Every structure is written in structure tokens, then in C-alpha cells.
Amino acid sequence: MFWVSDHALVRWLERVQGIDLSEFRDEIMKVCFNGLRLGATSVKVGDIVYILENKSVITVIERRSEFEKAAKAAPAGANQRVDEEEKIWTKSTLNGYLPIKTNKSSCSKSQSE
């Protein structure tokens, strides 16, 4: 099967279709600036999670869809605690599992600090 990468798609939108993506980048930066400045590994806004790494926003995921994928892969009735990362995997609560570190604020600090 053949594939068009996301990078190629973005460049095509910019260069062939003439779409200026700088406004979208600015919007993402407004949302993530404080998280990037504080060294966070993620920023959560509603059901959207911005994943941060090396002072960059590297991807954006829908929190709920990631949980649903994990729940489908889990054994029936899965409900386990992963203490080392302070995460809870629970099939009964959609917002209970996200495969990144979380805390009470909207930003997650990296362990390197």
C-alpha cells in the first residue's frame, strides 16, 4: 500500500494550495506557551491533548479516542493502577486513562526536572 506522509500533506497545503498555516501555528502556541515555558510534557484543553517534547509541540491527540483505543486493547474488566506514573486505567471512566503523566493542573511536568 502507498502512503502520503503528514509532512508531505502539510507542505502541499502550503505550497500548492497556498494555505497560510502560520495562524494555526500561532493558535497552537498560544495554547501551549506556558506549558512549554514550564517544561511540561503535555497541555490538556477539554478532550484535546497537546504533547510537548524538547520545547516543541510534537502532536495533538483527542484524549477520548486514545482512551477508547486503550480500553479496546485491555483485557475485559481491566482496572489497574500504575503507581510509577500515577496513572489510573479504568474501563468505567472515559477520562480515567491517558497514556501520559498527568496531575491536577493542565500541564504535566517532565521527570527530568
Foldseek 3Di string as FASTA:
>chain_A
DDDDDPVNVVVCCCPVVVDDCVVVVVVVCVQCVVLLVQQFQWFDDPQKIFGDDPSDRDDIDGQLVQLVVVLVVDDPQDWDADVVQRATNGPVDSNRGDPHRDDDDRTHHDPVD
